[in-house]
Amino acid sequence: WYRQVPGKQRELVARIVSGGSTNYADSVKGRFTISR
């Protein structure tokens, strides 16, 4: 998941690979959870 606001670059929010490993932007750690 990426996000974008007007006038700014699109930024990564969270990512998950097939095996389940995840990584998050520092700004959302502890608040957002990605799953598949």
ModelCIF file with pLDDT and N, C-alpha, C, O atoms, coordinates in Angstrom:
data_MODEL
#
_entry.id   MODEL 
#
_entity.id                         1 
_entity.type                       polymer 
_entity.pdbx_number_of_molecules   1 
#
_entity_poly.entity_id                      1 
_entity_poly.type                           'polypeptide(L)' 
_entity_poly.nstd_linkage                   no 
_entity_poly.nstd_monomer                   no 
_entity_poly.pdbx_seq_one_letter_code       WYRQVPGKQRELVARIVSGGSTNYADSVKGRFTISR 
_entity_poly.pdbx_seq_one_letter_code_can   WYRQVPGKQRELVARIVSGGSTNYADSVKGRFTISR 
_entity_poly.pdbx_strand_id                 A 
#
loop_
_entity_poly_seq.entity_id 
_entity_poly_seq.num 
_entity_poly_seq.mon_id 
_entity_poly_seq.hetero 
1 1  TRP n 
1 2  TYR n 
1 3  ARG n 
1 4  GLN n 
1 5  VAL n 
1 6  PRO n 
1 7  GLY n 
1 8  LYS n 
1 9  GLN n 
1 10 ARG n 
1 11 GLU n 
1 12 LEU n 
1 13 VAL n 
1 14 ALA n 
1 15 ARG n 
1 16 ILE n 
1 17 VAL n 
1 18 SER n 
1 19 GLY n 
1 20 GLY n 
1 21 SER n 
1 22 THR n 
1 23 ASN n 
1 24 TYR n 
1 25 ALA n 
1 26 ASP n 
1 27 SER n 
1 28 VAL n 
1 29 LYS n 
1 30 GLY n 
1 31 ARG n 
1 32 PHE n 
1 33 THR n 
1 34 ILE n 
1 35 SER n 
1 36 ARG n 
#
_struct_asym.id          A 
_struct_asym.entity_id   1 
#
loop_
_ma_qa_metric.id 
_ma_qa_metric.mode 
_ma_qa_metric.name 
_ma_qa_metric.software_group_id 
_ma_qa_metric.type 
1 global pLDDT . pLDDT 
2 local  pLDDT . pLDDT 
#
_ma_qa_metric_global.metric_id      1 
_ma_qa_metric_global.metric_value   96.39 
_ma_qa_metric_global.model_id       1 
_ma_qa_metric_global.ordinal_id     1 
#
loop_
_ma_qa_metric_local.label_asym_id 
_ma_qa_metric_local.label_comp_id 
_ma_qa_metric_local.label_seq_id 
_ma_qa_metric_local.metric_id 
_ma_qa_metric_local.metric_value 
_ma_qa_metric_local.model_id 
_ma_qa_metric_local.ordinal_id 
A TRP 1  2 98.00 1 1  
A TYR 2  2 98.00 1 2  
A ARG 3  2 98.00 1 3  
A GLN 4  2 98.00 1 4  
A VAL 5  2 97.00 1 5  
A PRO 6  2 93.00 1 6  
A GLY 7  2 94.00 1 7  
A LYS 8  2 96.00 1 8  
A GLN 9  2 96.00 1 9  
A ARG 10 2 97.00 1 10 
A GLU 11 2 97.00 1 11 
A LEU 12 2 98.00 1 12 
A VAL 13 2 98.00 1 13 
A ALA 14 2 98.00 1 14 
A ARG 15 2 98.00 1 15 
A ILE 16 2 97.00 1 16 
A VAL 17 2 95.00 1 17 
A SER 18 2 89.00 1 18 
A GLY 19 2 88.00 1 19 
A GLY 20 2 89.00 1 20 
A SER 21 2 95.00 1 21 
A THR 22 2 97.00 1 22 
A ASN 23 2 97.00 1 23 
A TYR 24 2 98.00 1 24 
A ALA 25 2 98.00 1 25 
A ASP 26 2 98.00 1 26 
A SER 27 2 97.00 1 27 
A VAL 28 2 98.00 1 28 
A LYS 29 2 98.00 1 29 
A GLY 30 2 97.00 1 30 
A ARG 31 2 98.00 1 31 
A PHE 32 2 98.00 1 32 
A THR 33 2 98.00 1 33 
A ILE 34 2 98.00 1 34 
A SER 35 2 97.00 1 35 
A ARG 36 2 96.00 1 36 
#
loop_
_atom_site.group_PDB 
_atom_site.id 
_atom_site.type_symbol 
_atom_site.label_atom_id 
_atom_site.label_alt_id 
_atom_site.label_comp_id 
_atom_site.label_asym_id 
_atom_site.label_entity_id 
_atom_site.label_seq_id 
_atom_site.pdbx_PDB_ins_code 
_atom_site.Cartn_x 
_atom_site.Cartn_y 
_atom_site.Cartn_z 
_atom_site.occupancy 
_atom_site.B_iso_or_equiv 
_atom_site.pdbx_formal_charge 
_atom_site.auth_seq_id 
_atom_site.auth_comp_id 
_atom_site.auth_asym_id 
_atom_site.auth_atom_id 
_atom_site.pdbx_PDB_model_num 
ATOM 1   N N  . TRP A 1 1  ? 0.858  -1.176  0.000  1.00 98.00 ? 1  TRP A N  1 
ATOM 2   C CA . TRP A 1 1  ? 0.000  0.000   0.000  1.00 98.00 ? 1  TRP A CA 1 
ATOM 3   C C  . TRP A 1 1  ? 0.896  1.228   0.000  1.00 98.00 ? 1  TRP A C  1 
ATOM 4   O O  . TRP A 1 1  ? 1.825  1.339   0.800  1.00 98.00 ? 1  TRP A O  1 
ATOM 5   N N  . TYR A 1 2  ? 0.603  2.139   -0.902 1.00 98.00 ? 2  TYR A N  1 
ATOM 6   C CA . TYR A 1 2  ? 1.260  3.436   -0.973 1.00 98.00 ? 2  TYR A CA 1 
ATOM 7   C C  . TYR A 1 2  ? 0.203  4.508   -0.761 1.00 98.00 ? 2  TYR A C  1 
ATOM 8   O O  . TYR A 1 2  ? -0.994 4.243   -0.876 1.00 98.00 ? 2  TYR A O  1 
ATOM 9   N N  . ARG A 1 3  ? 0.646  5.702   -0.455 1.00 98.00 ? 3  ARG A N  1 
ATOM 10  C CA . ARG A 1 3  ? -0.283 6.817   -0.347 1.00 98.00 ? 3  ARG A CA 1 
ATOM 11  C C  . ARG A 1 3  ? 0.343  8.082   -0.920 1.00 98.00 ? 3  ARG A C  1 
ATOM 12  O O  . ARG A 1 3  ? 1.563  8.225   -1.000 1.00 98.00 ? 3  ARG A O  1 
ATOM 13  N N  . GLN A 1 4  ? -0.531 8.980   -1.311 1.00 98.00 ? 4  GLN A N  1 
ATOM 14  C CA . GLN A 1 4  ? -0.065 10.208  -1.945 1.00 98.00 ? 4  GLN A CA 1 
ATOM 15  C C  . GLN A 1 4  ? -1.010 11.341  -1.624 1.00 98.00 ? 4  GLN A C  1 
ATOM 16  O O  . GLN A 1 4  ? -2.230 11.192  -1.679 1.00 98.00 ? 4  GLN A O  1 
ATOM 17  N N  . VAL A 1 5  ? -0.419 12.493  -1.283 1.00 97.00 ? 5  VAL A N  1 
ATOM 18  C CA . VAL A 1 5  ? -1.180 13.715  -1.111 1.00 97.00 ? 5  VAL A CA 1 
ATOM 19  C C  . VAL A 1 5  ? -0.760 14.676  -2.203 1.00 97.00 ? 5  VAL A C  1 
ATOM 20  O O  . VAL A 1 5  ? 0.351  14.572  -2.723 1.00 97.00 ? 5  VAL A O  1 
ATOM 21  N N  . PRO A 1 6  ? -1.625 15.609  -2.558 1.00 93.00 ? 6  PRO A N  1 
ATOM 22  C CA . PRO A 1 6  ? -1.292 16.532  -3.655 1.00 93.00 ? 6  PRO A CA 1 
ATOM 23  C C  . PRO A 1 6  ? 0.018  17.258  -3.393 1.00 93.00 ? 6  PRO A C  1 
ATOM 24  O O  . PRO A 1 6  ? 0.252  17.759  -2.293 1.00 93.00 ? 6  PRO A O  1 
ATOM 25  N N  . GLY A 1 7  ? 0.865  17.309  -4.404 1.00 94.00 ? 7  GLY A N  1 
ATOM 26  C CA . GLY A 1 7  ? 2.119  18.031  -4.302 1.00 94.00 ? 7  GLY A CA 1 
ATOM 27  C C  . GLY A 1 7  ? 3.257  17.249  -3.693 1.00 94.00 ? 7  GLY A C  1 
ATOM 28  O O  . GLY A 1 7  ? 4.375  17.753  -3.588 1.00 94.00 ? 7  GLY A O  1 
ATOM 29  N N  . LYS A 1 8  ? 2.979  16.010  -3.288 1.00 96.00 ? 8  LYS A N  1 
ATOM 30  C CA . LYS A 1 8  ? 4.030  15.185  -2.684 1.00 96.00 ? 8  LYS A CA 1 
ATOM 31  C C  . LYS A 1 8  ? 4.191  13.887  -3.448 1.00 96.00 ? 8  LYS A C  1 
ATOM 32  O O  . LYS A 1 8  ? 3.302  13.461  -4.185 1.00 96.00 ? 8  LYS A O  1 
ATOM 33  N N  . GLN A 1 9  ? 5.352  13.268  -3.253 1.00 96.00 ? 9  GLN A N  1 
ATOM 34  C CA . GLN A 1 9  ? 5.598  11.984  -3.896 1.00 96.00 ? 9  GLN A CA 1 
ATOM 35  C C  . GLN A 1 9  ? 4.794  10.880  -3.223 1.00 96.00 ? 9  GLN A C  1 
ATOM 36  O O  . GLN A 1 9  ? 4.473  10.942  -2.036 1.00 96.00 ? 9  GLN A O  1 
ATOM 37  N N  . ARG A 1 10 ? 4.486  9.883   -4.016 1.00 97.00 ? 10 ARG A N  1 
ATOM 38  C CA . ARG A 1 10 ? 3.829  8.708   -3.470 1.00 97.00 ? 10 ARG A CA 1 
ATOM 39  C C  . ARG A 1 10 ? 4.811  8.013   -2.519 1.00 97.00 ? 10 ARG A C  1 
ATOM 40  O O  . ARG A 1 10 ? 5.989  7.850   -2.837 1.00 97.00 ? 10 ARG A O  1 
ATOM 41  N N  . GLU A 1 11 ? 4.305  7.607   -1.350 1.00 97.00 ? 11 GLU A N  1 
ATOM 42  C CA . GLU A 1 11 ? 5.181  6.997   -0.367 1.00 97.00 ? 11 GLU A CA 1 
ATOM 43  C C  . GLU A 1 11 ? 4.671  5.623   0.042  1.00 97.00 ? 11 GLU A C  1 
ATOM 44  O O  . GLU A 1 11 ? 3.467  5.371   0.074  1.00 97.00 ? 11 GLU A O  1 
ATOM 45  N N  . LEU A 1 12 ? 5.609  4.746   0.351  1.00 98.00 ? 12 LEU A N  1 
ATOM 46  C CA . LEU A 1 12 ? 5.252  3.412   0.818  1.00 98.00 ? 12 LEU A CA 1 
ATOM 47  C C  . LEU A 1 12 ? 4.664  3.491   2.223  1.00 98.00 ? 12 LEU A C  1 
ATOM 48  O O  . LEU A 1 12 ? 5.209  4.153   3.106  1.00 98.00 ? 12 LEU A O  1 
ATOM 49  N N  . VAL A 1 13 ? 3.547  2.805   2.409  1.00 98.00 ? 13 VAL A N  1 
ATOM 50  C CA . VAL A 1 13 ? 2.929  2.710   3.730  1.00 98.00 ? 13 VAL A CA 1 
ATOM 51  C C  . VAL A 1 13 ? 3.291  1.370   4.367  1.00 98.00 ? 13 VAL A C  1 
ATOM 52  O O  . VAL A 1 13 ? 3.762  1.316   5.503  1.00 98.00 ? 13 VAL A O  1 
ATOM 53  N N  . ALA A 1 14 ? 3.066  0.295   3.620  1.00 98.00 ? 14 ALA A N  1 
ATOM 54  C CA . ALA A 1 14 ? 3.337  -1.046  4.135  1.00 98.00 ? 14 ALA A CA 1 
ATOM 55  C C  . ALA A 1 14 ? 3.454  -2.005  2.968  1.00 98.00 ? 14 ALA A C  1 
ATOM 56  O O  . ALA A 1 14 ? 2.911  -1.767  1.889  1.00 98.00 ? 14 ALA A O  1 
ATOM 57  N N  . ARG A 1 15 ? 4.179  -3.103  3.203  1.00 98.00 ? 15 ARG A N  1 
ATOM 58  C CA . ARG A 1 15 ? 4.404  -4.090  2.154  1.00 98.00 ? 15 ARG A CA 1 
ATOM 59  C C  . ARG A 1 15 ? 4.437  -5.471  2.786  1.00 98.00 ? 15 ARG A C  1 
ATOM 60  O O  . ARG A 1 15 ? 4.897  -5.642  3.915  1.00 98.00 ? 15 ARG A O  1 
ATOM 61  N N  . ILE A 1 16 ? 3.943  -6.453  2.046  1.00 97.00 ? 16 ILE A N  1 
ATOM 62  C CA . ILE A 1 16 ? 3.956  -7.836  2.533  1.00 97.00 ? 16 ILE A CA 1 
ATOM 63  C C  . ILE A 1 16 ? 4.271  -8.752  1.360  1.00 97.00 ? 16 ILE A C  1 
ATOM 64  O O  . ILE A 1 16 ? 3.682  -8.639  0.284  1.00 97.00 ? 16 ILE A O  1 
ATOM 65  N N  . VAL A 1 17 ? 5.211  -9.662  1.591  1.00 95.00 ? 17 VAL A N  1 
ATOM 66  C CA . VAL A 1 17 ? 5.553  -10.609 0.550  1.00 95.00 ? 17 VAL A CA 1 
ATOM 67  C C  . VAL A 1 17 ? 4.779  -11.910 0.753  1.00 95.00 ? 17 VAL A C  1 
ATOM 68  O O  . VAL A 1 17 ? 4.067  -12.075 1.744  1.00 95.00 ? 17 VAL A O  1 
ATOM 69  N N  . SER A 1 18 ? 4.927  -12.814 -0.185 1.00 89.00 ? 18 SER A N  1 
ATOM 70  C CA . SER A 1 18 ? 4.123  -14.021 -0.169 1.00 89.00 ? 18 SER A CA 1 
ATOM 71  C C  . SER A 1 18 ? 4.274  -14.825 1.106  1.00 89.00 ? 18 SER A C  1 
ATOM 72  O O  . SER A 1 18 ? 3.300  -15.393 1.599  1.00 89.00 ? 18 SER A O  1 
ATOM 73  N N  . GLY A 1 19 ? 5.487  -14.883 1.652  1.00 88.00 ? 19 GLY A N  1 
ATOM 74  C CA . GLY A 1 19 ? 5.721  -15.666 2.862  1.00 88.00 ? 19 GLY A CA 1 
ATOM 75  C C  . GLY A 1 19 ? 5.239  -15.014 4.128  1.00 88.00 ? 19 GLY A C  1 
ATOM 76  O O  . GLY A 1 19 ? 5.234  -15.640 5.188  1.00 88.00 ? 19 GLY A O  1 
ATOM 77  N N  . GLY A 1 20 ? 4.828  -13.745 4.035  1.00 89.00 ? 20 GLY A N  1 
ATOM 78  C CA . GLY A 1 20 ? 4.261  -13.058 5.182  1.00 89.00 ? 20 GLY A CA 1 
ATOM 79  C C  . GLY A 1 20 ? 5.137  -11.986 5.799  1.00 89.00 ? 20 GLY A C  1 
ATOM 80  O O  . GLY A 1 20 ? 4.685  -11.267 6.690  1.00 89.00 ? 20 GLY A O  1 
ATOM 81  N N  . SER A 1 21 ? 6.379  -11.858 5.351  1.00 95.00 ? 21 SER A N  1 
ATOM 82  C CA . SER A 1 21 ? 7.237  -10.798 5.896  1.00 95.00 ? 21 SER A CA 1 
ATOM 83  C C  . SER A 1 21 ? 6.671  -9.434  5.531  1.00 95.00 ? 21 SER A C  1 
ATOM 84  O O  . SER A 1 21 ? 6.175  -9.214  4.426  1.00 95.00 ? 21 SER A O  1 
ATOM 85  N N  . THR A 1 22 ? 6.762  -8.527  6.497  1.00 97.00 ? 22 THR A N  1 
ATOM 86  C CA . THR A 1 22 ? 6.177  -7.197  6.305  1.00 97.00 ? 22 THR A CA 1 
ATOM 87  C C  . THR A 1 22 ? 7.196  -6.105  6.621  1.00 97.00 ? 22 THR A C  1 
ATOM 88  O O  . THR A 1 22 ? 8.167  -6.328  7.344  1.00 97.00 ? 22 THR A O  1 
ATOM 89  N N  . ASN A 1 23 ? 6.955  -4.937  6.070  1.00 97.00 ? 23 ASN A N  1 
ATOM 90  C CA . ASN A 1 23 ? 7.661  -3.749  6.519  1.00 97.00 ? 23 ASN A CA 1 
ATOM 91  C C  . ASN A 1 23 ? 6.721  -2.559  6.406  1.00 97.00 ? 23 ASN A C  1 
ATOM 92  O O  . ASN A 1 23 ? 5.809  -2.534  5.579  1.00 97.00 ? 23 ASN A O  1 
ATOM 93  N N  . TYR A 1 24 ? 6.970  -1.573  7.262  1.00 98.00 ? 24 TYR A N  1 
ATOM 94  C CA . TYR A 1 24 ? 6.078  -0.416  7.415  1.00 98.00 ? 24 TYR A CA 1 
ATOM 95  C C  . TYR A 1 24 ? 6.866  0.882   7.399  1.00 98.00 ? 24 TYR A C  1 
ATOM 96  O O  . TYR A 1 24 ? 8.039  0.926   7.771  1.00 98.00 ? 24 TYR A O  1 
ATOM 97  N N  . ALA A 1 25 ? 6.205  1.921   6.967  1.00 98.00 ? 25 ALA A N  1 
ATOM 98  C CA . ALA A 1 25 ? 6.749  3.254   7.141  1.00 98.00 ? 25 ALA A CA 1 
ATOM 99  C C  . ALA A 1 25 ? 6.775  3.572   8.634  1.00 98.00 ? 25 ALA A C  1 
ATOM 100 O O  . ALA A 1 25 ? 5.892  3.148   9.379  1.00 98.00 ? 25 ALA A O  1 
ATOM 101 N N  . ASP A 1 26 ? 7.779  4.308   9.062  1.00 98.00 ? 26 ASP A N  1 
ATOM 102 C CA . ASP A 1 26 ? 7.891  4.639   10.482 1.00 98.00 ? 26 ASP A CA 1 
ATOM 103 C C  . ASP A 1 26 ? 6.653  5.361   10.994 1.00 98.00 ? 26 ASP A C  1 
ATOM 104 O O  . ASP A 1 26 ? 6.268  5.198   12.152 1.00 98.00 ? 26 ASP A O  1 
ATOM 105 N N  . SER A 1 27 ? 6.041  6.145   10.145 1.00 97.00 ? 27 SER A N  1 
ATOM 106 C CA . SER A 1 27 ? 4.904  6.970   10.559 1.00 97.00 ? 27 SER A CA 1 
ATOM 107 C C  . SER A 1 27 ? 3.656  6.157   10.885 1.00 97.00 ? 27 SER A C  1 
ATOM 108 O O  . SER A 1 27 ? 2.737  6.669   11.522 1.00 97.00 ? 27 SER A O  1 
ATOM 109 N N  . VAL A 1 28 ? 3.612  4.898   10.457 1.00 98.00 ? 28 VAL A N  1 
ATOM 110 C CA . VAL A 1 28 ? 2.409  4.092   10.695 1.00 98.00 ? 28 VAL A CA 1 
ATOM 111 C C  . VAL A 1 28 ? 2.675  2.882   11.584 1.00 98.00 ? 28 VAL A C  1 
ATOM 112 O O  . VAL A 1 28 ? 1.743  2.154   11.927 1.00 98.00 ? 28 VAL A O  1 
ATOM 113 N N  . LYS A 1 29 ? 3.919  2.660   11.958 1.00 98.00 ? 29 LYS A N  1 
ATOM 114 C CA . LYS A 1 29 ? 4.242  1.495   12.793 1.00 98.00 ? 29 LYS A CA 1 
ATOM 115 C C  . LYS A 1 29 ? 3.455  1.541   14.094 1.00 98.00 ? 29 LYS A C  1 
ATOM 116 O O  . LYS A 1 29 ? 3.363  2.577   14.751 1.00 98.00 ? 29 LYS A O  1 
ATOM 117 N N  . GLY A 1 30 ? 2.894  0.402   14.446 1.00 97.00 ? 30 GLY A N  1 
ATOM 118 C CA . GLY A 1 30 ? 2.109  0.313   15.670 1.00 97.00 ? 30 GLY A CA 1 
ATOM 119 C C  . GLY A 1 30 ? 0.658  0.722   15.508 1.00 97.00 ? 30 GLY A C  1 
ATOM 120 O O  . GLY A 1 30 ? -0.148 0.506   16.413 1.00 97.00 ? 30 GLY A O  1 
ATOM 121 N N  . ARG A 1 31 ? 0.310  1.314   14.363 1.00 98.00 ? 31 ARG A N  1 
ATOM 122 C CA . ARG A 1 31 ? -1.072 1.738   14.129 1.00 98.00 ? 31 ARG A CA 1 
ATOM 123 C C  . ARG A 1 31 ? -1.715 0.988   12.960 1.00 98.00 ? 31 ARG A C  1 
ATOM 124 O O  . ARG A 1 31 ? -2.910 0.691   12.982 1.00 98.00 ? 31 ARG A O  1 
ATOM 125 N N  . PHE A 1 32 ? -0.910 0.688   11.943 1.00 98.00 ? 32 PHE A N  1 
ATOM 126 C CA . PHE A 1 32 ? -1.412 0.007   10.746 1.00 98.00 ? 32 PHE A CA 1 
ATOM 127 C C  . PHE A 1 32 ? -0.908 -1.424  10.722 1.00 98.00 ? 32 PHE A C  1 
ATOM 128 O O  . PHE A 1 32 ? 0.195  -1.719  11.183 1.00 98.00 ? 32 PHE A O  1 
ATOM 129 N N  . THR A 1 33 ? -1.726 -2.301  10.180 1.00 98.00 ? 33 THR A N  1 
ATOM 130 C CA . THR A 1 33 ? -1.331 -3.700  10.014 1.00 98.00 ? 33 THR A CA 1 
ATOM 131 C C  . THR A 1 33 ? -1.700 -4.164  8.612  1.00 98.00 ? 33 THR A C  1 
ATOM 132 O O  . THR A 1 33 ? -2.850 -4.045  8.190  1.00 98.00 ? 33 THR A O  1 
ATOM 133 N N  . ILE A 1 34 ? -0.718 -4.690  7.898  1.00 98.00 ? 34 ILE A N  1 
ATOM 134 C CA . ILE A 1 34 ? -0.968 -5.250  6.574  1.00 98.00 ? 34 ILE A CA 1 
ATOM 135 C C  . ILE A 1 34 ? -1.044 -6.766  6.691  1.00 98.00 ? 34 ILE A C  1 
ATOM 136 O O  . ILE A 1 34 ? -0.279 -7.387  7.428  1.00 98.00 ? 34 ILE A O  1 
ATOM 137 N N  . SER A 1 35 ? -1.975 -7.344  5.956  1.00 97.00 ? 35 SER A N  1 
ATOM 138 C CA . SER A 1 35 ? -2.124 -8.793  5.958  1.00 97.00 ? 35 SER A CA 1 
ATOM 139 C C  . SER A 1 35 ? -2.609 -9.224  4.578  1.00 97.00 ? 35 SER A C  1 
ATOM 140 O O  . SER A 1 35 ? -3.006 -8.394  3.759  1.00 97.00 ? 35 SER A O  1 
ATOM 141 N N  . ARG A 1 36 ? -2.572 -10.523 4.334  1.00 96.00 ? 36 ARG A N  1 
ATOM 142 C CA . ARG A 1 36 ? -2.991 -11.007 3.024  1.00 96.00 ? 36 ARG A CA 1 
ATOM 143 C C  . ARG A 1 36 ? -3.644 -12.372 3.145  1.00 96.00 ? 36 ARG A C  1 
ATOM 144 O O  . ARG A 1 36 ? -4.065 -12.946 2.141  1.00 96.00 ? 36 ARG A O  1 
#
